[in-house]
Amino acid sequence: MYAIPNVAVRAPRAPQPSTGDAATGAAGGADPDAAANALAEQTIAAQKAAFNYEAAEQAELERERETLEAMVQAQLKDEDEVMKKWIAMIA
């Protein structure tokens, strides 16, 4: 512990009644299972949020891939038409 110079040292206080459960963090008189359930719900909510984010990102990437695929197909179709016209001019 660090000493702070020129500060008066406080006298020890009388023991105070506990306002919480140190093991679970539950408030005085609260059910420790309720604190554990709240923590579990928070964990599940965080997992759901992460899953929803990943699912939305994957859906967006899939839409982008489909759009690029459609563009490539359109370009190939146009190139095929140009090639047919070149062959028709030669023949």
PDB file of N, CA and C in Angstrom:
ATOM      1  N   MET A   1       0.853  -1.170   0.000  1.00  0.00           N
ATOM      2  CA  MET A   1       0.000   0.000   0.000  1.00  0.00           C
ATOM      3  C   MET A   1       0.890   1.221   0.000  1.00  0.00           C
ATOM      4  N   TYR A   2       0.470   2.256  -0.688  1.00  0.00           N
ATOM      5  CA  TYR A   2       1.257   3.472  -0.785  1.00  0.00           C
ATOM      6  C   TYR A   2       0.853   4.439   0.318  1.00  0.00           C
ATOM      7  N   ALA A   3       1.840   5.106   0.899  1.00  0.00           N
ATOM      8  CA  ALA A   3       1.566   6.097   1.935  1.00  0.00           C
ATOM      9  C   ALA A   3       1.431   7.462   1.282  1.00  0.00           C
ATOM     10  N   ILE A   4       0.433   8.211   1.687  1.00  0.00           N
ATOM     11  CA  ILE A   4       0.238   9.559   1.160  1.00  0.00           C
ATOM     12  C   ILE A   4       0.695  10.523   2.246  1.00  0.00           C
ATOM     13  N   PRO A   5       1.695  11.342   1.958  1.00  0.00           N
ATOM     14  CA  PRO A   5       2.215  12.244   2.979  1.00  0.00           C
ATOM     15  C   PRO A   5       1.226  13.363   3.316  1.00  0.00           C
ATOM     16  N   ASN A   6       1.321  13.873   4.549  1.00  0.00           N
ATOM     17  CA  ASN A   6       0.534  15.009   5.023  1.00  0.00           C
ATOM     18  C   ASN A   6      -0.969  14.761   4.989  1.00  0.00           C
ATOM     19  N   VAL A   7      -1.392  13.521   5.180  1.00  0.00           N
ATOM     20  CA  VAL A   7      -2.812  13.199   5.221  1.00  0.00           C
ATOM     21  C   VAL A   7      -3.079  12.493   6.542  1.00  0.00           C
ATOM     22  N   ALA A   8      -4.114  12.920   7.211  1.00  0.00           N
ATOM     23  CA  ALA A   8      -4.451  12.312   8.500  1.00  0.00           C
ATOM     24  C   ALA A   8      -4.938  10.884   8.266  1.00  0.00           C
ATOM     25  N   VAL A   9      -4.526   9.982   9.136  1.00  0.00           N
ATOM     26  CA  VAL A   9      -4.915   8.589   9.039  1.00  0.00           C
ATOM     27  C   VAL A   9      -6.251   8.412   9.746  1.00  0.00           C
ATOM     28  N   ARG A  10      -7.199   7.726   9.090  1.00  0.00           N
ATOM     29  CA  ARG A  10      -8.508   7.502   9.680  1.00  0.00           C
ATOM     30  C   ARG A  10      -8.442   6.370  10.693  1.00  0.00           C
ATOM     31  N   ALA A  11      -9.227   6.495  11.708  1.00  0.00           N
ATOM     32  CA  ALA A  11      -9.325   5.445  12.723  1.00  0.00           C
ATOM     33  C   ALA A  11     -10.199   4.325  12.176  1.00  0.00           C
ATOM     34  N   PRO A  12      -9.962   3.090  12.569  1.00  0.00           N
ATOM     35  CA  PRO A  12     -10.794   1.994  12.087  1.00  0.00           C
ATOM     36  C   PRO A  12     -12.249   2.178  12.523  1.00  0.00           C
ATOM     37  N   ARG A  13     -13.165   1.770  11.646  1.00  0.00           N
ATOM     38  CA  ARG A  13     -14.590   1.895  11.942  1.00  0.00           C
ATOM     39  C   ARG A  13     -15.107   0.602  12.548  1.00  0.00           C
ATOM     40  N   ALA A  14     -16.241   0.710  13.185  1.00  0.00           N
ATOM     41  CA  ALA A  14     -16.902  -0.470  13.728  1.00  0.00           C
ATOM     42  C   ALA A  14     -17.442  -1.303  12.584  1.00  0.00           C
ATOM     43  N   PRO A  15     -17.534  -2.602  12.726  1.00  0.00           N
ATOM     44  CA  PRO A  15     -18.063  -3.446  11.653  1.00  0.00           C
ATOM     45  C   PRO A  15     -19.475  -3.013  11.257  1.00  0.00           C
ATOM     46  N   GLN A  16     -19.732  -3.000   9.982  1.00  0.00           N
ATOM     47  CA  GLN A  16     -21.029  -2.605   9.442  1.00  0.00           C
ATOM     48  C   GLN A  16     -21.750  -3.847   8.932  1.00  0.00           C
ATOM     49  N   PRO A  17     -23.102  -3.827   8.949  1.00  0.00           N
ATOM     50  CA  PRO A  17     -23.829  -4.970   8.393  1.00  0.00           C
ATOM     51  C   PRO A  17     -23.579  -5.068   6.891  1.00  0.00           C
ATOM     52  N   SER A  18     -23.499  -6.273   6.417  1.00  0.00           N
ATOM     53  CA  SER A  18     -23.226  -6.512   5.000  1.00  0.00           C
ATOM     54  C   SER A  18     -24.402  -6.045   4.153  1.00  0.00           C
ATOM     55  N   THR A  19     -24.089  -5.346   3.041  1.00  0.00           N
ATOM     56  CA  THR A  19     -25.148  -4.886   2.136  1.00  0.00           C
ATOM     57  C   THR A  19     -25.182  -5.724   0.874  1.00  0.00           C
ATOM     58  N   GLY A  20     -24.312  -6.691   0.798  1.00  0.00           N
ATOM     59  CA  GLY A  20     -24.326  -7.513  -0.397  1.00  0.00           C
ATOM     60  C   GLY A  20     -23.601  -8.820  -0.178  1.00  0.00           C
ATOM     61  N   ASP A  21     -23.849  -9.741  -1.037  1.00  0.00           N
ATOM     62  CA  ASP A  21     -23.182 -11.030  -0.993  1.00  0.00           C
ATOM     63  C   ASP A  21     -21.910 -10.915  -1.823  1.00  0.00           C
ATOM     64  N   ALA A  22     -20.771 -11.056  -1.183  1.00  0.00           N
ATOM     65  CA  ALA A  22     -19.505 -10.872  -1.885  1.00  0.00           C
ATOM     66  C   ALA A  22     -19.304 -11.905  -2.978  1.00  0.00           C
ATOM     67  N   ALA A  23     -19.822 -13.103  -2.811  1.00  0.00           N
ATOM     68  CA  ALA A  23     -19.601 -14.178  -3.783  1.00  0.00           C
ATOM     69  C   ALA A  23     -20.392 -13.953  -5.069  1.00  0.00           C
ATOM     70  N   THR A  24     -21.627 -13.480  -4.939  1.00  0.00           N
ATOM     71  CA  THR A  24     -22.470 -13.348  -6.135  1.00  0.00           C
ATOM     72  C   THR A  24     -22.713 -11.910  -6.523  1.00  0.00           C
ATOM     73  N   GLY A  25     -22.405 -10.960  -5.643  1.00  0.00           N
ATOM     74  CA  GLY A  25     -22.667  -9.563  -5.947  1.00  0.00           C
ATOM     75  C   GLY A  25     -24.120  -9.197  -5.723  1.00  0.00           C
ATOM     76  N   ALA A  26     -24.885 -10.083  -5.106  1.00  0.00           N
ATOM     77  CA  ALA A  26     -26.304  -9.821  -4.891  1.00  0.00           C
ATOM     78  C   ALA A  26     -26.463  -8.789  -3.773  1.00  0.00           C
ATOM     79  N   ALA A  27     -27.470  -7.964  -3.880  1.00  0.00           N
ATOM     80  CA  ALA A  27     -27.747  -6.969  -2.852  1.00  0.00           C
ATOM     81  C   ALA A  27     -28.219  -7.674  -1.595  1.00  0.00           C
ATOM     82  N   GLY A  28     -28.133  -6.976  -0.461  1.00  0.00           N
ATOM     83  CA  GLY A  28     -28.535  -7.571   0.803  1.00  0.00           C
ATOM     84  C   GLY A  28     -29.961  -8.104   0.750  1.00  0.00           C
ATOM     85  N   GLY A  29     -30.144  -9.334   1.136  1.00  0.00           N
ATOM     86  CA  GLY A  29     -31.459  -9.940   1.160  1.00  0.00           C
ATOM     87  C   GLY A  29     -31.902 -10.481  -0.190  1.00  0.00           C
ATOM     88  N   ALA A  30     -31.171 -10.219  -1.262  1.00  0.00           N
ATOM     89  CA  ALA A  30     -31.557 -10.696  -2.593  1.00  0.00           C
ATOM     90  C   ALA A  30     -31.152 -12.149  -2.760  1.00  0.00           C
ATOM     91  N   ASP A  31     -31.885 -12.828  -3.574  1.00  0.00           N
ATOM     92  CA  ASP A  31     -31.625 -14.238  -3.850  1.00  0.00           C
ATOM     93  C   ASP A  31     -30.372 -14.362  -4.710  1.00  0.00           C
ATOM     94  N   PRO A  32     -29.365 -15.122  -4.291  1.00  0.00           N
ATOM     95  CA  PRO A  32     -28.151 -15.274  -5.107  1.00  0.00           C
ATOM     96  C   PRO A  32     -28.447 -15.893  -6.466  1.00  0.00           C
ATOM     97  N   ASP A  33     -29.501 -16.731  -6.533  1.00  0.00           N
ATOM     98  CA  ASP A  33     -29.864 -17.323  -7.820  1.00  0.00           C
ATOM     99  C   ASP A  33     -30.363 -16.264  -8.790  1.00  0.00           C
ATOM    100  N   ALA A  34     -31.009 -15.223  -8.266  1.00  0.00           N
ATOM    101  CA  ALA A  34     -31.505 -14.149  -9.131  1.00  0.00           C
ATOM    102  C   ALA A  34     -30.331 -13.430  -9.793  1.00  0.00           C
ATOM    103  N   ALA A  35     -29.258 -13.211  -9.052  1.00  0.00           N
ATOM    104  CA  ALA A  35     -28.077 -12.561  -9.623  1.00  0.00           C
ATOM    105  C   ALA A  35     -27.452 -13.457 -10.685  1.00  0.00           C
ATOM    106  N   ALA A  36     -27.403 -14.753 -10.405  1.00  0.00           N
ATOM    107  CA  ALA A  36     -26.842 -15.692 -11.379  1.00  0.00           C
ATOM    108  C   ALA A  36     -27.718 -15.749 -12.624  1.00  0.00           C
ATOM    109  N   ASN A  37     -29.047 -15.732 -12.433  1.00  0.00           N
ATOM    110  CA  ASN A  37     -29.962 -15.729 -13.574  1.00  0.00           C
ATOM    111  C   ASN A  37     -29.821 -14.462 -14.396  1.00  0.00           C
ATOM    112  N   ALA A  38     -29.654 -13.332 -13.727  1.00  0.00           N
ATOM    113  CA  ALA A  38     -29.484 -12.067 -14.439  1.00  0.00           C
ATOM    114  C   ALA A  38     -28.195 -12.097 -15.260  1.00  0.00           C
ATOM    115  N   LEU A  39     -27.142 -12.640 -14.688  1.00  0.00           N
ATOM    116  CA  LEU A  39     -25.885 -12.752 -15.415  1.00  0.00           C
ATOM    117  C   LEU A  39     -26.031 -13.678 -16.611  1.00  0.00           C
ATOM    118  N   ALA A  40     -26.749 -14.794 -16.424  1.00  0.00           N
ATOM    119  CA  ALA A  40     -26.969 -15.728 -17.526  1.00  0.00           C
ATOM    120  C   ALA A  40     -27.789 -15.072 -18.631  1.00  0.00           C
ATOM    121  N   GLU A  41     -28.799 -14.286 -18.259  1.00  0.00           N
ATOM    122  CA  GLU A  41     -29.613 -13.587 -19.255  1.00  0.00           C
ATOM    123  C   GLU A  41     -28.783 -12.563 -20.020  1.00  0.00           C
ATOM    124  N   GLN A  42     -27.904 -11.861 -19.312  1.00  0.00           N
ATOM    125  CA  GLN A  42     -27.035 -10.891 -19.980  1.00  0.00           C
ATOM    126  C   GLN A  42     -26.099 -11.598 -20.956  1.00  0.00           C
ATOM    127  N   THR A  43     -25.580 -12.740 -20.554  1.00  0.00           N
ATOM    128  CA  THR A  43     -24.691 -13.508 -21.420  1.00  0.00           C
ATOM    129  C   THR A  43     -25.431 -13.980 -22.661  1.00  0.00           C
ATOM    130  N   ILE A  44     -26.654 -14.485 -22.467  1.00  0.00           N
ATOM    131  CA  ILE A  44     -27.456 -14.949 -23.598  1.00  0.00           C
ATOM    132  C   ILE A  44     -27.793 -13.783 -24.521  1.00  0.00           C
ATOM    133  N   ALA A  45     -28.125 -12.632 -23.952  1.00  0.00           N
ATOM    134  CA  ALA A  45     -28.440 -11.455 -24.764  1.00  0.00           C
ATOM    135  C   ALA A  45     -27.226 -11.030 -25.593  1.00  0.00           C
ATOM    136  N   ALA A  46     -26.046 -11.091 -24.996  1.00  0.00           N
ATOM    137  CA  ALA A  46     -24.827 -10.731 -25.730  1.00  0.00           C
ATOM    138  C   ALA A  46     -24.567 -11.733 -26.854  1.00  0.00           C
ATOM    139  N   GLN A  47     -24.799 -13.023 -26.589  1.00  0.00           N
ATOM    140  CA  GLN A  47     -24.614 -14.042 -27.619  1.00  0.00           C
ATOM    141  C   GLN A  47     -25.611 -13.851 -28.758  1.00  0.00           C
ATOM    142  N   LYS A  48     -26.867 -13.528 -28.406  1.00  0.00           N
ATOM    143  CA  LYS A  48     -27.882 -13.282 -29.441  1.00  0.00           C
ATOM    144  C   LYS A  48     -27.506 -12.085 -30.296  1.00  0.00           C
ATOM    145  N   ALA A  49     -27.030 -11.021 -29.658  1.00  0.00           N
ATOM    146  CA  ALA A  49     -26.640  -9.822 -30.399  1.00  0.00           C
ATOM    147  C   ALA A  49     -25.481 -10.133 -31.348  1.00  0.00           C
ATOM    148  N   ALA A  50     -24.508 -10.890 -30.874  1.00  0.00           N
ATOM    149  CA  ALA A  50     -23.373 -11.257 -31.724  1.00  0.00           C
ATOM    150  C   ALA A  50     -23.835 -12.132 -32.885  1.00  0.00           C
ATOM    151  N   PHE A  51     -24.729 -13.090 -32.601  1.00  0.00           N
ATOM    152  CA  PHE A  51     -25.247 -13.960 -33.665  1.00  0.00           C
ATOM    153  C   PHE A  51     -26.028 -13.151 -34.689  1.00  0.00           C
ATOM    154  N   ASN A  52     -26.897 -12.257 -34.227  1.00  0.00           N
ATOM    155  CA  ASN A  52     -27.686 -11.436 -35.149  1.00  0.00           C
ATOM    156  C   ASN A  52     -26.791 -10.564 -36.015  1.00  0.00           C
ATOM    157  N   TYR A  53     -25.734 -10.014 -35.422  1.00  0.00           N
ATOM    158  CA  TYR A  53     -24.795  -9.184 -36.194  1.00  0.00           C
ATOM    159  C   TYR A  53     -24.117 -10.022 -37.271  1.00  0.00           C
ATOM    160  N   GLU A  54     -23.636 -11.199 -36.889  1.00  0.00           N
ATOM    161  CA  GLU A  54     -22.959 -12.074 -37.856  1.00  0.00           C
ATOM    162  C   GLU A  54     -23.921 -12.523 -38.953  1.00  0.00           C
ATOM    163  N   ALA A  55     -25.163 -12.851 -38.590  1.00  0.00           N
ATOM    164  CA  ALA A  55     -26.146 -13.281 -39.585  1.00  0.00           C
ATOM    165  C   ALA A  55     -26.463 -12.150 -40.558  1.00  0.00           C
ATOM    166  N   ALA A  56     -26.606 -10.940 -40.049  1.00  0.00           N
ATOM    167  CA  ALA A  56     -26.882  -9.793 -40.919  1.00  0.00           C
ATOM    168  C   ALA A  56     -25.704  -9.525 -41.843  1.00  0.00           C
ATOM    169  N   GLU A  57     -24.494  -9.625 -41.305  1.00  0.00           N
ATOM    170  CA  GLU A  57     -23.308  -9.404 -42.134  1.00  0.00           C
ATOM    171  C   GLU A  57     -23.196 -10.477 -43.217  1.00  0.00           C
ATOM    172  N   GLN A  58     -23.465 -11.719 -42.855  1.00  0.00           N
ATOM    173  CA  GLN A  58     -23.404 -12.805 -43.838  1.00  0.00           C
ATOM    174  C   GLN A  58     -24.465 -12.621 -44.918  1.00  0.00           C
ATOM    175  N   ALA A  59     -25.661 -12.180 -44.543  1.00  0.00           N
ATOM    176  CA  ALA A  59     -26.720 -11.935 -45.523  1.00  0.00           C
ATOM    177  C   ALA A  59     -26.320 -10.817 -46.483  1.00  0.00           C
ATOM    178  N   GLU A  60     -25.699  -9.776 -45.950  1.00  0.00           N
ATOM    179  CA  GLU A  60     -25.260  -8.665 -46.804  1.00  0.00           C
ATOM    180  C   GLU A  60     -24.167  -9.129 -47.772  1.00  0.00           C
ATOM    181  N   LEU A  61     -23.232  -9.938 -47.287  1.00  0.00           N
ATOM    182  CA  LEU A  61     -22.183 -10.455 -48.170  1.00  0.00           C
ATOM    183  C   LEU A  61     -22.768 -11.361 -49.251  1.00  0.00           C
ATOM    184  N   GLU A  62     -23.782 -12.137 -48.901  1.00  0.00           N
ATOM    185  CA  GLU A  62     -24.432 -13.011 -49.884  1.00  0.00           C
ATOM    186  C   GLU A  62     -25.144 -12.178 -50.955  1.00  0.00           C
ATOM    187  N   ARG A  63     -25.828 -11.102 -50.533  1.00  0.00           N
ATOM    188  CA  ARG A  63     -26.479 -10.214 -51.515  1.00  0.00           C
ATOM    189  C   ARG A  63     -25.442  -9.584 -52.443  1.00  0.00           C
ATOM    190  N   GLU A  64     -24.310  -9.181 -51.881  1.00  0.00           N
ATOM    191  CA  GLU A  64     -23.253  -8.582 -52.694  1.00  0.00           C
ATOM    192  C   GLU A  64     -22.705  -9.598 -53.693  1.00  0.00           C
ATOM    193  N   ARG A  65     -22.511 -10.837 -53.244  1.00  0.00           N
ATOM    194  CA  ARG A  65     -22.010 -11.877 -54.137  1.00  0.00           C
ATOM    195  C   ARG A  65     -22.995 -12.140 -55.271  1.00  0.00           C
ATOM    196  N   GLU A  66     -24.274 -12.197 -54.951  1.00  0.00           N
ATOM    197  CA  GLU A  66     -25.293 -12.439 -55.976  1.00  0.00           C
ATOM    198  C   GLU A  66     -25.329 -11.299 -56.994  1.00  0.00           C
ATOM    199  N   THR A  67     -25.178 -10.072 -56.515  1.00  0.00           N
ATOM    200  CA  THR A  67     -25.160  -8.922 -57.419  1.00  0.00           C
ATOM    201  C   THR A  67     -23.953  -8.981 -58.343  1.00  0.00           C
ATOM    202  N   LEU A  68     -22.792  -9.299 -57.793  1.00  0.00           N
ATOM    203  CA  LEU A  68     -21.595  -9.405 -58.626  1.00  0.00           C
ATOM    204  C   LEU A  68     -21.731 -10.537 -59.641  1.00  0.00           C
ATOM    205  N   GLU A  69     -22.323 -11.642 -59.222  1.00  0.00           N
ATOM    206  CA  GLU A  69     -22.532 -12.763 -60.132  1.00  0.00           C
ATOM    207  C   GLU A  69     -23.460 -12.367 -61.276  1.00  0.00           C
ATOM    208  N   ALA A  70     -24.518 -11.613 -60.960  1.00  0.00           N
ATOM    209  CA  ALA A  70     -25.441 -11.146 -61.997  1.00  0.00           C
ATOM    210  C   ALA A  70     -24.733 -10.195 -62.961  1.00  0.00           C
ATOM    211  N   MET A  71     -23.858  -9.360 -62.445  1.00  0.00           N
ATOM    212  CA  MET A  71     -23.108  -8.434 -63.307  1.00  0.00           C
ATOM    213  C   MET A  71     -22.170  -9.200 -64.234  1.00  0.00           C
ATOM    214  N   VAL A  72     -21.507 -10.226 -63.726  1.00  0.00           N
ATOM    215  CA  VAL A  72     -20.608 -11.033 -64.547  1.00  0.00           C
ATOM    216  C   VAL A  72     -21.405 -11.739 -65.645  1.00  0.00           C
ATOM    217  N   GLN A  73     -22.569 -12.281 -65.289  1.00  0.00           N
ATOM    218  CA  GLN A  73     -23.400 -12.955 -66.288  1.00  0.00           C
ATOM    219  C   GLN A  73     -23.840 -11.979 -67.379  1.00  0.00           C
ATOM    220  N   ALA A  74     -24.211 -10.763 -66.988  1.00  0.00           N
ATOM    221  CA  ALA A  74     -24.614  -9.760 -67.972  1.00  0.00           C
ATOM    222  C   ALA A  74     -23.445  -9.395 -68.880  1.00  0.00           C
ATOM    223  N   GLN A  75     -22.250  -9.262 -68.315  1.00  0.00           N
ATOM    224  CA  GLN A  75     -21.076  -8.934 -69.117  1.00  0.00           C
ATOM    225  C   GLN A  75     -20.761 -10.070 -70.089  1.00  0.00           C
ATOM    226  N   LEU A  76     -20.843 -11.318 -69.638  1.00  0.00           N
ATOM    227  CA  LEU A  76     -20.587 -12.454 -70.525  1.00  0.00           C
ATOM    228  C   LEU A  76     -21.616 -12.511 -71.658  1.00  0.00           C
ATOM    229  N   LYS A  77     -22.856 -12.185 -71.332  1.00  0.00           N
ATOM    230  CA  LYS A  77     -23.907 -12.172 -72.349  1.00  0.00           C
ATOM    231  C   LYS A  77     -23.604 -11.106 -73.407  1.00  0.00           C
ATOM    232  N   ASP A  78     -23.183  -9.921 -72.955  1.00  0.00           N
ATOM    233  CA  ASP A  78     -22.837  -8.852 -73.901  1.00  0.00           C
ATOM    234  C   ASP A  78     -21.641  -9.249 -74.770  1.00  0.00           C
ATOM    235  N   GLU A  79     -20.636  -9.862 -74.153  1.00  0.00           N
ATOM    236  CA  GLU A  79     -19.464 -10.295 -74.922  1.00  0.00           C
ATOM    237  C   GLU A  79     -19.857 -11.368 -75.939  1.00  0.00           C
ATOM    238  N   ASP A  80     -20.779 -12.234 -75.564  1.00  0.00           N
ATOM    239  CA  ASP A  80     -21.256 -13.267 -76.485  1.00  0.00           C
ATOM    240  C   ASP A  80     -21.965 -12.629 -77.682  1.00  0.00           C
ATOM    241  N   GLU A  81     -22.756 -11.614 -77.455  1.00  0.00           N
ATOM    242  CA  GLU A  81     -23.437 -10.905 -78.542  1.00  0.00           C
ATOM    243  C   GLU A  81     -22.424 -10.237 -79.469  1.00  0.00           C
ATOM    244  N   VAL A  82     -21.398  -9.626 -78.901  1.00  0.00           N
ATOM    245  CA  VAL A  82     -20.357  -8.995 -79.724  1.00  0.00           C
ATOM    246  C   VAL A  82     -19.658 -10.049 -80.571  1.00  0.00           C
ATOM    247  N   MET A  83     -19.347 -11.195 -79.959  1.00  0.00           N
ATOM    248  CA  MET A  83     -18.672 -12.264 -80.697  1.00  0.00           C
ATOM    249  C   MET A  83     -19.556 -12.766 -81.839  1.00  0.00           C
ATOM    250  N   LYS A  84     -20.847 -12.919 -81.617  1.00  0.00           N
ATOM    251  CA  LYS A  84     -21.767 -13.357 -82.668  1.00  0.00           C
ATOM    252  C   LYS A  84     -21.788 -12.347 -83.812  1.00  0.00           C
ATOM    253  N   LYS A  85     -21.759 -11.058 -83.499  1.00  0.00           N
ATOM    254  CA  LYS A  85     -21.755 -10.026 -84.534  1.00  0.00           C
ATOM    255  C   LYS A  85     -20.453 -10.070 -85.341  1.00  0.00           C
ATOM    256  N   TRP A  86     -19.318 -10.299 -84.684  1.00  0.00           N
ATOM    257  CA  TRP A  86     -18.051 -10.407 -85.394  1.00  0.00           C
ATOM    258  C   TRP A  86     -18.078 -11.613 -86.344  1.00  0.00           C
ATOM    259  N   ILE A  87     -18.587 -12.709 -85.853  1.00  0.00           N
ATOM    260  CA  ILE A  87     -18.672 -13.919 -86.712  1.00  0.00           C
ATOM    261  C   ILE A  87     -19.590 -13.658 -87.872  1.00  0.00           C
ATOM    262  N   ALA A  88     -20.710 -12.959 -87.666  1.00  0.00           N
ATOM    263  CA  ALA A  88     -21.645 -12.665 -88.753  1.00  0.00           C
ATOM    264  C   ALA A  88     -21.008 -11.745 -89.791  1.00  0.00           C
ATOM    265  N   MET A  89     -20.140 -10.821 -89.351  1.00  0.00           N
ATOM    266  CA  MET A  89     -19.484  -9.908 -90.308  1.00  0.00           C
ATOM    267  C   MET A  89     -18.452 -10.675 -91.139  1.00  0.00           C
ATOM    268  N   ILE A  90     -17.767 -11.652 -90.560  1.00  0.00           N
ATOM    269  CA  ILE A  90     -16.757 -12.404 -91.256  1.00  0.00           C
ATOM    270  C   ILE A  90     -17.383 -13.373 -92.241  1.00  0.00           C
ATOM    271  N   ALA A  91     -18.463 -14.002 -91.858  1.00  0.00           N
ATOM    272  CA  ALA A  91     -19.066 -15.037 -92.700  1.00  0.00           C
ATOM    273  C   ALA A  91     -19.860 -14.475 -93.826  1.00  0.00           C
TER     274      ALA A  91
END
